[in-house]
Amino acid sequence: MISPVGRVFKKVVFWSYGRNTWQYDVLCALILAFIFLTPKSWFETSQPGSLIRHQNPSVGAIKLLISPDILGPNPDQQAVERGVRIASGREDARVLRWRAVTGEGGRTVAFEVDIE
């Protein structure tokens, strides 16, 4: 036999109140209060960039596609680093590796750059 408190708990968990009852209205108000009153800090990570590393743990980097107009046809390390700073807006970006992405006829259409 279920106690009255247990019955109420069961109805709340399984959302078995009708739409025209005051209990339904209270549950909706509680959900809305949670949505609008919960501090943003509850959902933030403690380490910036940890989501990126979590999603792609083998690389641990951000991938950028940079136009050859920015880097030039045959860029060296300094040209790539300069282009990454321009494209990303980050002065502290560190280039891990890059490769040319070719299109039809072997023409370079972009450079794929991994930065950290």
PDB file of N, CA and C in Angstrom:
ATOM      1  N   MET A   1       0.848  -1.179   0.000  1.00  0.00           N
ATOM      2  CA  MET A   1       0.000   0.000   0.000  1.00  0.00           C
ATOM      3  C   MET A   1       0.892   1.239   0.000  1.00  0.00           C
ATOM      4  N   ILE A   2       0.562   2.192  -0.834  1.00  0.00           N
ATOM      5  CA  ILE A   2       1.358   3.404  -0.984  1.00  0.00           C
ATOM      6  C   ILE A   2       0.769   4.488  -0.097  1.00  0.00           C
ATOM      7  N   SER A   3       1.666   5.196   0.589  1.00  0.00           N
ATOM      8  CA  SER A   3       1.235   6.296   1.454  1.00  0.00           C
ATOM      9  C   SER A   3       0.760   7.473   0.596  1.00  0.00           C
ATOM     10  N   PRO A   4       0.030   8.433   1.192  1.00  0.00           N
ATOM     11  CA  PRO A   4      -0.427   9.605   0.424  1.00  0.00           C
ATOM     12  C   PRO A   4       0.742  10.403  -0.162  1.00  0.00           C
ATOM     13  N   VAL A   5       1.835  10.505   0.570  1.00  0.00           N
ATOM     14  CA  VAL A   5       3.003  11.217   0.055  1.00  0.00           C
ATOM     15  C   VAL A   5       3.587  10.459  -1.140  1.00  0.00           C
ATOM     16  N   GLY A   6       3.618   9.151  -1.056  1.00  0.00           N
ATOM     17  CA  GLY A   6       4.116   8.327  -2.151  1.00  0.00           C
ATOM     18  C   GLY A   6       3.263   8.461  -3.398  1.00  0.00           C
ATOM     19  N   ARG A   7       1.937   8.546  -3.199  1.00  0.00           N
ATOM     20  CA  ARG A   7       1.039   8.729  -4.343  1.00  0.00           C
ATOM     21  C   ARG A   7       1.282  10.067  -5.040  1.00  0.00           C
ATOM     22  N   VAL A   8       1.443  11.131  -4.226  1.00  0.00           N
ATOM     23  CA  VAL A   8       1.704  12.451  -4.789  1.00  0.00           C
ATOM     24  C   VAL A   8       3.036  12.436  -5.544  1.00  0.00           C
ATOM     25  N   PHE A   9       4.054  11.848  -4.950  1.00  0.00           N
ATOM     26  CA  PHE A   9       5.364  11.757  -5.595  1.00  0.00           C
ATOM     27  C   PHE A   9       5.260  10.999  -6.921  1.00  0.00           C
ATOM     28  N   LYS A  10       4.520   9.897  -6.923  1.00  0.00           N
ATOM     29  CA  LYS A  10       4.346   9.095  -8.128  1.00  0.00           C
ATOM     30  C   LYS A  10       3.632   9.897  -9.212  1.00  0.00           C
ATOM     31  N   LYS A  11       2.610  10.671  -8.822  1.00  0.00           N
ATOM     32  CA  LYS A  11       1.883  11.474  -9.800  1.00  0.00           C
ATOM     33  C   LYS A  11       2.763  12.583 -10.374  1.00  0.00           C
ATOM     34  N   VAL A  12       3.610  13.175  -9.536  1.00  0.00           N
ATOM     35  CA  VAL A  12       4.493  14.241 -10.010  1.00  0.00           C
ATOM     36  C   VAL A  12       5.537  13.657 -10.966  1.00  0.00           C
ATOM     37  N   VAL A  13       6.155  12.533 -10.596  1.00  0.00           N
ATOM     38  CA  VAL A  13       7.201  11.930 -11.427  1.00  0.00           C
ATOM     39  C   VAL A  13       6.635  11.481 -12.769  1.00  0.00           C
ATOM     40  N   PHE A  14       5.459  10.881 -12.773  1.00  0.00           N
ATOM     41  CA  PHE A  14       4.876  10.380 -14.018  1.00  0.00           C
ATOM     42  C   PHE A  14       3.953  11.389 -14.694  1.00  0.00           C
ATOM     43  N   TRP A  15       3.876  12.628 -14.134  1.00  0.00           N
ATOM     44  CA  TRP A  15       3.126  13.738 -14.725  1.00  0.00           C
ATOM     45  C   TRP A  15       1.694  13.301 -15.045  1.00  0.00           C
ATOM     46  N   SER A  16       1.005  12.778 -14.053  1.00  0.00           N
ATOM     47  CA  SER A  16      -0.329  12.239 -14.297  1.00  0.00           C
ATOM     48  C   SER A  16      -1.462  13.186 -13.906  1.00  0.00           C
ATOM     49  N   TYR A  17      -1.152  14.458 -13.698  1.00  0.00           N
ATOM     50  CA  TYR A  17      -2.210  15.420 -13.420  1.00  0.00           C
ATOM     51  C   TYR A  17      -2.786  15.931 -14.739  1.00  0.00           C
ATOM     52  N   GLY A  18      -4.070  16.206 -14.750  1.00  0.00           N
ATOM     53  CA  GLY A  18      -4.724  16.741 -15.949  1.00  0.00           C
ATOM     54  C   GLY A  18      -4.308  18.180 -16.206  1.00  0.00           C
ATOM     55  N   ARG A  19      -4.487  18.622 -17.446  1.00  0.00           N
ATOM     56  CA  ARG A  19      -4.055  19.970 -17.822  1.00  0.00           C
ATOM     57  C   ARG A  19      -4.876  21.055 -17.144  1.00  0.00           C
ATOM     58  N   ASN A  20      -6.055  20.772 -16.705  1.00  0.00           N
ATOM     59  CA  ASN A  20      -6.885  21.814 -16.110  1.00  0.00           C
ATOM     60  C   ASN A  20      -6.875  21.779 -14.576  1.00  0.00           C
ATOM     61  N   THR A  21      -5.844  21.186 -13.987  1.00  0.00           N
ATOM     62  CA  THR A  21      -5.762  21.129 -12.517  1.00  0.00           C
ATOM     63  C   THR A  21      -4.721  22.110 -12.014  1.00  0.00           C
ATOM     64  N   TRP A  22      -4.853  22.496 -10.735  1.00  0.00           N
ATOM     65  CA  TRP A  22      -3.896  23.439 -10.154  1.00  0.00           C
ATOM     66  C   TRP A  22      -2.526  22.789  -9.975  1.00  0.00           C
ATOM     67  N   GLN A  23      -2.480  21.466  -9.796  1.00  0.00           N
ATOM     68  CA  GLN A  23      -1.203  20.777  -9.654  1.00  0.00           C
ATOM     69  C   GLN A  23      -0.380  20.874 -10.945  1.00  0.00           C
ATOM     70  N   TYR A  24      -1.063  20.762 -12.073  1.00  0.00           N
ATOM     71  CA  TYR A  24      -0.404  20.890 -13.371  1.00  0.00           C
ATOM     72  C   TYR A  24       0.192  22.288 -13.507  1.00  0.00           C
ATOM     73  N   ASP A  25      -0.571  23.301 -13.115  1.00  0.00           N
ATOM     74  CA  ASP A  25      -0.091  24.686 -13.195  1.00  0.00           C
ATOM     75  C   ASP A  25       1.126  24.900 -12.301  1.00  0.00           C
ATOM     76  N   VAL A  26       1.118  24.307 -11.113  1.00  0.00           N
ATOM     77  CA  VAL A  26       2.247  24.451 -10.193  1.00  0.00           C
ATOM     78  C   VAL A  26       3.493  23.778 -10.777  1.00  0.00           C
ATOM     79  N   LEU A  27       3.347  22.597 -11.349  1.00  0.00           N
ATOM     80  CA  LEU A  27       4.487  21.908 -11.962  1.00  0.00           C
ATOM     81  C   LEU A  27       5.070  22.721 -13.121  1.00  0.00           C
ATOM     82  N   CYS A  28       4.195  23.298 -13.950  1.00  0.00           N
ATOM     83  CA  CYS A  28       4.681  24.133 -15.062  1.00  0.00           C
ATOM     84  C   CYS A  28       5.403  25.371 -14.538  1.00  0.00           C
ATOM     85  N   ALA A  29       4.872  25.980 -13.487  1.00  0.00           N
ATOM     86  CA  ALA A  29       5.508  27.159 -12.900  1.00  0.00           C
ATOM     87  C   ALA A  29       6.879  26.803 -12.326  1.00  0.00           C
ATOM     88  N   LEU A  30       7.005  25.639 -11.704  1.00  0.00           N
ATOM     89  CA  LEU A  30       8.300  25.206 -11.173  1.00  0.00           C
ATOM     90  C   LEU A  30       9.317  24.987 -12.289  1.00  0.00           C
ATOM     91  N   ILE A  31       8.872  24.401 -13.385  1.00  0.00           N
ATOM     92  CA  ILE A  31       9.784  24.184 -14.519  1.00  0.00           C
ATOM     93  C   ILE A  31      10.238  25.515 -15.093  1.00  0.00           C
ATOM     94  N   LEU A  32       9.310  26.448 -15.286  1.00  0.00           N
ATOM     95  CA  LEU A  32       9.675  27.764 -15.808  1.00  0.00           C
ATOM     96  C   LEU A  32      10.596  28.509 -14.848  1.00  0.00           C
ATOM     97  N   ALA A  33      10.337  28.394 -13.547  1.00  0.00           N
ATOM     98  CA  ALA A  33      11.206  29.043 -12.568  1.00  0.00           C
ATOM     99  C   ALA A  33      12.618  28.471 -12.650  1.00  0.00           C
ATOM    100  N   PHE A  34      12.729  27.162 -12.820  1.00  0.00           N
ATOM    101  CA  PHE A  34      14.052  26.553 -12.963  1.00  0.00           C
ATOM    102  C   PHE A  34      14.758  27.070 -14.206  1.00  0.00           C
ATOM    103  N   ILE A  35      14.035  27.152 -15.313  1.00  0.00           N
ATOM    104  CA  ILE A  35      14.643  27.596 -16.573  1.00  0.00           C
ATOM    105  C   ILE A  35      15.157  29.025 -16.463  1.00  0.00           C
ATOM    106  N   PHE A  36      14.343  29.926 -15.907  1.00  0.00           N
ATOM    107  CA  PHE A  36      14.698  31.340 -15.920  1.00  0.00           C
ATOM    108  C   PHE A  36      15.493  31.802 -14.706  1.00  0.00           C
ATOM    109  N   LEU A  37      15.483  31.055 -13.625  1.00  0.00           N
ATOM    110  CA  LEU A  37      16.157  31.509 -12.416  1.00  0.00           C
ATOM    111  C   LEU A  37      17.449  30.757 -12.098  1.00  0.00           C
ATOM    112  N   THR A  38      17.758  29.723 -12.854  1.00  0.00           N
ATOM    113  CA  THR A  38      18.983  28.965 -12.611  1.00  0.00           C
ATOM    114  C   THR A  38      20.188  29.807 -13.032  1.00  0.00           C
ATOM    115  N   PRO A  39      21.193  29.935 -12.169  1.00  0.00           N
ATOM    116  CA  PRO A  39      22.383  30.713 -12.534  1.00  0.00           C
ATOM    117  C   PRO A  39      23.137  30.069 -13.699  1.00  0.00           C
ATOM    118  N   LYS A  40      23.657  30.901 -14.570  1.00  0.00           N
ATOM    119  CA  LYS A  40      24.403  30.422 -15.735  1.00  0.00           C
ATOM    120  C   LYS A  40      25.640  29.630 -15.308  1.00  0.00           C
ATOM    121  N   SER A  41      26.207  29.986 -14.175  1.00  0.00           N
ATOM    122  CA  SER A  41      27.436  29.328 -13.711  1.00  0.00           C
ATOM    123  C   SER A  41      27.233  27.836 -13.423  1.00  0.00           C
ATOM    124  N   TRP A  42      26.012  27.409 -13.189  1.00  0.00           N
ATOM    125  CA  TRP A  42      25.765  25.987 -12.942  1.00  0.00           C
ATOM    126  C   TRP A  42      26.072  25.139 -14.178  1.00  0.00           C
ATOM    127  N   PHE A  43      26.009  25.750 -15.356  1.00  0.00           N
ATOM    128  CA  PHE A  43      26.163  25.002 -16.591  1.00  0.00           C
ATOM    129  C   PHE A  43      27.479  25.276 -17.297  1.00  0.00           C
ATOM    130  N   GLU A  44      28.339  26.120 -16.742  1.00  0.00           N
ATOM    131  CA  GLU A  44      29.624  26.425 -17.345  1.00  0.00           C
ATOM    132  C   GLU A  44      30.668  25.420 -16.886  1.00  0.00           C
ATOM    133  N   THR A  45      31.670  25.206 -17.744  1.00  0.00           N
ATOM    134  CA  THR A  45      32.761  24.314 -17.369  1.00  0.00           C
ATOM    135  C   THR A  45      33.822  25.122 -16.638  1.00  0.00           C
ATOM    136  N   SER A  46      34.611  24.445 -15.842  1.00  0.00           N
ATOM    137  CA  SER A  46      35.636  25.142 -15.070  1.00  0.00           C
ATOM    138  C   SER A  46      36.874  25.456 -15.901  1.00  0.00           C
ATOM    139  N   GLN A  47      37.088  24.718 -16.987  1.00  0.00           N
ATOM    140  CA  GLN A  47      38.275  24.935 -17.816  1.00  0.00           C
ATOM    141  C   GLN A  47      37.848  25.361 -19.210  1.00  0.00           C
ATOM    142  N   PRO A  48      38.281  26.535 -19.668  1.00  0.00           N
ATOM    143  CA  PRO A  48      37.930  26.931 -21.019  1.00  0.00           C
ATOM    144  C   PRO A  48      38.503  25.970 -22.048  1.00  0.00           C
ATOM    145  N   GLY A  49      37.706  25.635 -23.033  1.00  0.00           N
ATOM    146  CA  GLY A  49      38.155  24.738 -24.084  1.00  0.00           C
ATOM    147  C   GLY A  49      38.043  23.272 -23.741  1.00  0.00           C
ATOM    148  N   SER A  50      37.546  22.930 -22.552  1.00  0.00           N
ATOM    149  CA  SER A  50      37.485  21.518 -22.181  1.00  0.00           C
ATOM    150  C   SER A  50      36.469  20.762 -23.019  1.00  0.00           C
ATOM    151  N   LEU A  51      35.428  21.440 -23.503  1.00  0.00           N
ATOM    152  CA  LEU A  51      34.456  20.757 -24.343  1.00  0.00           C
ATOM    153  C   LEU A  51      35.062  20.357 -25.679  1.00  0.00           C
ATOM    154  N   ILE A  52      35.923  21.192 -26.221  1.00  0.00           N
ATOM    155  CA  ILE A  52      36.548  20.886 -27.499  1.00  0.00           C
ATOM    156  C   ILE A  52      37.452  19.669 -27.347  1.00  0.00           C
ATOM    157  N   ARG A  53      38.236  19.624 -26.294  1.00  0.00           N
ATOM    158  CA  ARG A  53      39.110  18.469 -26.083  1.00  0.00           C
ATOM    159  C   ARG A  53      38.298  17.206 -25.804  1.00  0.00           C
ATOM    160  N   HIS A  54      37.176  17.372 -25.135  1.00  0.00           N
ATOM    161  CA  HIS A  54      36.343  16.213 -24.826  1.00  0.00           C
ATOM    162  C   HIS A  54      35.719  15.643 -26.098  1.00  0.00           C
ATOM    163  N   GLN A  55      35.307  16.516 -27.017  1.00  0.00           N
ATOM    164  CA  GLN A  55      34.667  16.052 -28.230  1.00  0.00           C
ATOM    165  C   GLN A  55      35.657  15.407 -29.195  1.00  0.00           C
ATOM    166  N   ASN A  56      36.894  15.817 -29.139  1.00  0.00           N
ATOM    167  CA  ASN A  56      37.904  15.285 -30.041  1.00  0.00           C
ATOM    168  C   ASN A  56      39.189  15.041 -29.250  1.00  0.00           C
ATOM    169  N   PRO A  57      39.204  14.020 -28.382  1.00  0.00           N
ATOM    170  CA  PRO A  57      40.340  13.847 -27.482  1.00  0.00           C
ATOM    171  C   PRO A  57      41.634  13.465 -28.170  1.00  0.00           C
ATOM    172  N   SER A  58      41.587  12.889 -29.366  1.00  0.00           N
ATOM    173  CA  SER A  58      42.826  12.459 -30.008  1.00  0.00           C
ATOM    174  C   SER A  58      43.629  13.643 -30.539  1.00  0.00           C
ATOM    175  N   VAL A  59      42.962  14.722 -30.913  1.00  0.00           N
ATOM    176  CA  VAL A  59      43.673  15.862 -31.473  1.00  0.00           C
ATOM    177  C   VAL A  59      43.919  16.919 -30.410  1.00  0.00           C
ATOM    178  N   GLY A  60      42.897  17.264 -29.627  1.00  0.00           N
ATOM    179  CA  GLY A  60      43.040  18.301 -28.612  1.00  0.00           C
ATOM    180  C   GLY A  60      43.268  19.669 -29.216  1.00  0.00           C
ATOM    181  N   ALA A  61      42.732  19.889 -30.405  1.00  0.00           N
ATOM    182  CA  ALA A  61      42.991  21.136 -31.110  1.00  0.00           C
ATOM    183  C   ALA A  61      41.721  21.620 -31.794  1.00  0.00           C
ATOM    184  N   ILE A  62      41.816  22.844 -32.278  1.00  0.00           N
ATOM    185  CA  ILE A  62      40.742  23.443 -33.062  1.00  0.00           C
ATOM    186  C   ILE A  62      41.189  23.423 -34.515  1.00  0.00           C
ATOM    187  N   LYS A  63      40.293  23.045 -35.405  1.00  0.00           N
ATOM    188  CA  LYS A  63      40.618  23.024 -36.832  1.00  0.00           C
ATOM    189  C   LYS A  63      40.073  24.288 -37.479  1.00  0.00           C
ATOM    190  N   LEU A  64      40.901  24.925 -38.289  1.00  0.00           N
ATOM    191  CA  LEU A  64      40.503  26.092 -39.067  1.00  0.00           C
ATOM    192  C   LEU A  64      40.716  25.805 -40.537  1.00  0.00           C
ATOM    193  N   LEU A  65      39.826  26.308 -41.373  1.00  0.00           N
ATOM    194  CA  LEU A  65      40.036  26.298 -42.809  1.00  0.00           C
ATOM    195  C   LEU A  65      40.346  27.730 -43.205  1.00  0.00           C
ATOM    196  N   ILE A  66      41.516  27.949 -43.769  1.00  0.00           N
ATOM    197  CA  ILE A  66      41.955  29.285 -44.123  1.00  0.00           C
ATOM    198  C   ILE A  66      42.177  29.353 -45.625  1.00  0.00           C
ATOM    199  N   SER A  67      41.697  30.412 -46.212  1.00  0.00           N
ATOM    200  CA  SER A  67      41.803  30.626 -47.650  1.00  0.00           C
ATOM    201  C   SER A  67      43.259  30.839 -48.064  1.00  0.00           C
ATOM    202  N   PRO A  68      43.632  30.359 -49.248  1.00  0.00           N
ATOM    203  CA  PRO A  68      44.983  30.623 -49.738  1.00  0.00           C
ATOM    204  C   PRO A  68      45.216  32.110 -50.036  1.00  0.00           C
ATOM    205  N   ASP A  69      44.143  32.881 -50.139  1.00  0.00           N
ATOM    206  CA  ASP A  69      44.300  34.326 -50.325  1.00  0.00           C
ATOM    207  C   ASP A  69      44.985  34.944 -49.109  1.00  0.00           C
ATOM    208  N   ILE A  70      44.738  34.387 -47.928  1.00  0.00           N
ATOM    209  CA  ILE A  70      45.341  34.905 -46.699  1.00  0.00           C
ATOM    210  C   ILE A  70      46.764  34.393 -46.538  1.00  0.00           C
ATOM    211  N   LEU A  71      46.979  33.103 -46.807  1.00  0.00           N
ATOM    212  CA  LEU A  71      48.286  32.488 -46.551  1.00  0.00           C
ATOM    213  C   LEU A  71      49.240  32.540 -47.735  1.00  0.00           C
ATOM    214  N   GLY A  72      48.716  32.649 -48.926  1.00  0.00           N
ATOM    215  CA  GLY A  72      49.578  32.584 -50.105  1.00  0.00           C
ATOM    216  C   GLY A  72      49.608  31.155 -50.637  1.00  0.00           C
ATOM    217  N   PRO A  73      50.200  30.955 -51.812  1.00  0.00           N
ATOM    218  CA  PRO A  73      50.164  29.626 -52.437  1.00  0.00           C
ATOM    219  C   PRO A  73      51.028  28.583 -51.734  1.00  0.00           C
ATOM    220  N   ASN A  74      52.208  28.957 -51.237  1.00  0.00           N
ATOM    221  CA  ASN A  74      53.113  28.019 -50.558  1.00  0.00           C
ATOM    222  C   ASN A  74      53.577  28.634 -49.237  1.00  0.00           C
ATOM    223  N   PRO A  75      52.753  28.570 -48.210  1.00  0.00           N
ATOM    224  CA  PRO A  75      53.114  29.259 -46.967  1.00  0.00           C
ATOM    225  C   PRO A  75      54.167  28.496 -46.165  1.00  0.00           C
ATOM    226  N   ASP A  76      54.955  29.260 -45.404  1.00  0.00           N
ATOM    227  CA  ASP A  76      55.879  28.654 -44.450  1.00  0.00           C
ATOM    228  C   ASP A  76      55.264  28.787 -43.051  1.00  0.00           C
ATOM    229  N   GLN A  77      55.974  28.355 -42.024  1.00  0.00           N
ATOM    230  CA  GLN A  77      55.464  28.356 -40.652  1.00  0.00           C
ATOM    231  C   GLN A  77      55.034  29.755 -40.205  1.00  0.00           C
ATOM    232  N   GLN A  78      55.839  30.763 -40.491  1.00  0.00           N
ATOM    233  CA  GLN A  78      55.521  32.122 -40.055  1.00  0.00           C
ATOM    234  C   GLN A  78      54.278  32.652 -40.769  1.00  0.00           C
ATOM    235  N   ALA A  79      54.133  32.338 -42.056  1.00  0.00           N
ATOM    236  CA  ALA A  79      52.952  32.790 -42.797  1.00  0.00           C
ATOM    237  C   ALA A  79      51.683  32.131 -42.258  1.00  0.00           C
ATOM    238  N   VAL A  80      51.783  30.853 -41.911  1.00  0.00           N
ATOM    239  CA  VAL A  80      50.622  30.159 -41.352  1.00  0.00           C
ATOM    240  C   VAL A  80      50.256  30.753 -39.996  1.00  0.00           C
ATOM    241  N   GLU A  81      51.237  30.981 -39.142  1.00  0.00           N
ATOM    242  CA  GLU A  81      50.956  31.564 -37.828  1.00  0.00           C
ATOM    243  C   GLU A  81      50.339  32.954 -37.958  1.00  0.00           C
ATOM    244  N   ARG A  82      50.844  33.751 -38.887  1.00  0.00           N
ATOM    245  CA  ARG A  82      50.298  35.084 -39.125  1.00  0.00           C
ATOM    246  C   ARG A  82      48.855  34.985 -39.624  1.00  0.00           C
ATOM    247  N   GLY A  83      48.599  34.072 -40.557  1.00  0.00           N
ATOM    248  CA  GLY A  83      47.247  33.873 -41.088  1.00  0.00           C
ATOM    249  C   GLY A  83      46.274  33.380 -40.035  1.00  0.00           C
ATOM    250  N   VAL A  84      46.744  32.502 -39.144  1.00  0.00           N
ATOM    251  CA  VAL A  84      45.893  31.999 -38.060  1.00  0.00           C
ATOM    252  C   VAL A  84      45.521  33.129 -37.125  1.00  0.00           C
ATOM    253  N   ARG A  85      46.467  33.994 -36.809  1.00  0.00           N
ATOM    254  CA  ARG A  85      46.164  35.125 -35.918  1.00  0.00           C
ATOM    255  C   ARG A  85      45.140  36.063 -36.555  1.00  0.00           C
ATOM    256  N   ILE A  86      45.241  36.247 -37.862  1.00  0.00           N
ATOM    257  CA  ILE A  86      44.276  37.095 -38.564  1.00  0.00           C
ATOM    258  C   ILE A  86      42.900  36.433 -38.587  1.00  0.00           C
ATOM    259  N   ALA A  87      42.866  35.141 -38.956  1.00  0.00           N
ATOM    260  CA  ALA A  87      41.589  34.446 -39.121  1.00  0.00           C
ATOM    261  C   ALA A  87      40.881  34.196 -37.788  1.00  0.00           C
ATOM    262  N   SER A  88      41.636  33.866 -36.753  1.00  0.00           N
ATOM    263  CA  SER A  88      41.007  33.516 -35.475  1.00  0.00           C
ATOM    264  C   SER A  88      40.866  34.700 -34.536  1.00  0.00           C
ATOM    265  N   GLY A  89      41.683  35.712 -34.718  1.00  0.00           N
ATOM    266  CA  GLY A  89      41.656  36.849 -33.799  1.00  0.00           C
ATOM    267  C   GLY A  89      42.335  36.547 -32.476  1.00  0.00           C
ATOM    268  N   ARG A  90      43.068  35.460 -32.415  1.00  0.00           N
ATOM    269  CA  ARG A  90      43.764  35.054 -31.184  1.00  0.00           C
ATOM    270  C   ARG A  90      45.264  35.233 -31.368  1.00  0.00           C
ATOM    271  N   GLU A  91      45.848  36.065 -30.538  1.00  0.00           N
ATOM    272  CA  GLU A  91      47.294  36.282 -30.602  1.00  0.00           C
ATOM    273  C   GLU A  91      48.069  35.119 -29.979  1.00  0.00           C
ATOM    274  N   ASP A  92      47.418  34.350 -29.095  1.00  0.00           N
ATOM    275  CA  ASP A  92      48.104  33.263 -28.402  1.00  0.00           C
ATOM    276  C   ASP A  92      47.948  31.918 -29.108  1.00  0.00           C
ATOM    277  N   ALA A  93      47.350  31.906 -30.310  1.00  0.00           N
ATOM    278  CA  ALA A  93      47.128  30.651 -31.029  1.00  0.00           C
ATOM    279  C   ALA A  93      48.465  30.027 -31.414  1.00  0.00           C
ATOM    280  N   ARG A  94      48.567  28.715 -31.173  1.00  0.00           N
ATOM    281  CA  ARG A  94      49.786  27.986 -31.504  1.00  0.00           C
ATOM    282  C   ARG A  94      49.451  26.971 -32.595  1.00  0.00           C
ATOM    283  N   VAL A  95      50.164  27.021 -33.699  1.00  0.00           N
ATOM    284  CA  VAL A  95      49.921  26.127 -34.834  1.00  0.00           C
ATOM    285  C   VAL A  95      50.561  24.780 -34.542  1.00  0.00           C
ATOM    286  N   LEU A  96      49.749  23.732 -34.605  1.00  0.00           N
ATOM    287  CA  LEU A  96      50.273  22.377 -34.403  1.00  0.00           C
ATOM    288  C   LEU A  96      50.704  21.759 -35.727  1.00  0.00           C
ATOM    289  N   ARG A  97      49.836  21.849 -36.744  1.00  0.00           N
ATOM    290  CA  ARG A  97      50.156  21.319 -38.068  1.00  0.00           C
ATOM    291  C   ARG A  97      49.163  21.908 -39.079  1.00  0.00           C
ATOM    292  N   TRP A  98      49.511  21.831 -40.332  1.00  0.00           N
ATOM    293  CA  TRP A  98      48.616  22.283 -41.386  1.00  0.00           C
ATOM    294  C   TRP A  98      48.828  21.444 -42.619  1.00  0.00           C
ATOM    295  N   ARG A  99      47.814  21.451 -43.473  1.00  0.00           N
ATOM    296  CA  ARG A  99      47.911  20.734 -44.741  1.00  0.00           C
ATOM    297  C   ARG A  99      47.058  21.454 -45.772  1.00  0.00           C
ATOM    298  N   ALA A 100      47.437  21.320 -47.021  1.00  0.00           N
ATOM    299  CA  ALA A 100      46.694  21.935 -48.120  1.00  0.00           C
ATOM    300  C   ALA A 100      45.500  21.060 -48.482  1.00  0.00           C
ATOM    301  N   VAL A 101      44.361  21.694 -48.706  1.00  0.00           N
ATOM    302  CA  VAL A 101      43.168  21.007 -49.183  1.00  0.00           C
ATOM    303  C   VAL A 101      43.041  21.352 -50.660  1.00  0.00           C
ATOM    304  N   THR A 102      43.107  20.318 -51.503  1.00  0.00           N
ATOM    305  CA  THR A 102      43.101  20.564 -52.948  1.00  0.00           C
ATOM    306  C   THR A 102      41.743  20.244 -53.540  1.00  0.00           C
ATOM    307  N   GLY A 103      41.443  20.951 -54.619  1.00  0.00           N
ATOM    308  CA  GLY A 103      40.205  20.735 -55.348  1.00  0.00           C
ATOM    309  C   GLY A 103      40.488  20.053 -56.670  1.00  0.00           C
ATOM    310  N   GLU A 104      39.619  20.316 -57.627  1.00  0.00           N
ATOM    311  CA  GLU A 104      39.791  19.727 -58.955  1.00  0.00           C
ATOM    312  C   GLU A 104      41.066  20.248 -59.610  1.00  0.00           C
ATOM    313  N   GLY A 105      41.768  19.368 -60.242  1.00  0.00           N
ATOM    314  CA  GLY A 105      42.987  19.756 -60.947  1.00  0.00           C
ATOM    315  C   GLY A 105      44.168  19.987 -60.031  1.00  0.00           C
ATOM    316  N   GLY A 106      44.066  19.625 -58.756  1.00  0.00           N
ATOM    317  CA  GLY A 106      45.184  19.778 -57.834  1.00  0.00           C
ATOM    318  C   GLY A 106      45.398  21.197 -57.336  1.00  0.00           C
ATOM    319  N   ARG A 107      44.434  22.084 -57.589  1.00  0.00           N
ATOM    320  CA  ARG A 107      44.555  23.475 -57.144  1.00  0.00           C
ATOM    321  C   ARG A 107      44.232  23.565 -55.658  1.00  0.00           C
ATOM    322  N   THR A 108      45.030  24.302 -54.892  1.00  0.00           N
ATOM    323  CA  THR A 108      44.807  24.471 -53.460  1.00  0.00           C
ATOM    324  C   THR A 108      43.607  25.387 -53.249  1.00  0.00           C
ATOM    325  N   VAL A 109      42.584  24.870 -52.547  1.00  0.00           N
ATOM    326  CA  VAL A 109      41.376  25.672 -52.297  1.00  0.00           C
ATOM    327  C   VAL A 109      41.341  26.215 -50.875  1.00  0.00           C
ATOM    328  N   ALA A 110      42.079  25.586 -49.958  1.00  0.00           N
ATOM    329  CA  ALA A 110      42.126  26.041 -48.568  1.00  0.00           C
ATOM    330  C   ALA A 110      43.268  25.337 -47.866  1.00  0.00           C
ATOM    331  N   PHE A 111      43.553  25.815 -46.668  1.00  0.00           N
ATOM    332  CA  PHE A 111      44.517  25.154 -45.799  1.00  0.00           C
ATOM    333  C   PHE A 111      43.804  24.776 -44.518  1.00  0.00           C
ATOM    334  N   GLU A 112      43.939  23.508 -44.133  1.00  0.00           N
ATOM    335  CA  GLU A 112      43.361  23.036 -42.874  1.00  0.00           C
ATOM    336  C   GLU A 112      44.458  23.145 -41.818  1.00  0.00           C
ATOM    337  N   VAL A 113      44.199  23.971 -40.781  1.00  0.00           N
ATOM    338  CA  VAL A 113      45.209  24.257 -39.766  1.00  0.00           C
ATOM    339  C   VAL A 113      44.680  23.823 -38.405  1.00  0.00           C
ATOM    340  N   ASP A 114      45.469  23.046 -37.675  1.00  0.00           N
ATOM    341  CA  ASP A 114      45.150  22.657 -36.298  1.00  0.00           C
ATOM    342  C   ASP A 114      45.858  23.628 -35.368  1.00  0.00           C
ATOM    343  N   ILE A 115      45.077  24.288 -34.514  1.00  0.00           N
ATOM    344  CA  ILE A 115      45.683  25.217 -33.557  1.00  0.00           C
ATOM    345  C   ILE A 115      45.307  24.801 -32.153  1.00  0.00           C
ATOM    346  N   GLU A 116      46.085  25.303 -31.212  1.00  0.00           N
ATOM    347  CA  GLU A 116      45.831  25.015 -29.803  1.00  0.00           C
ATOM    348  C   GLU A 116      45.735  26.318 -29.066  1.00  0.00           C
TER     349      GLU A 116
END
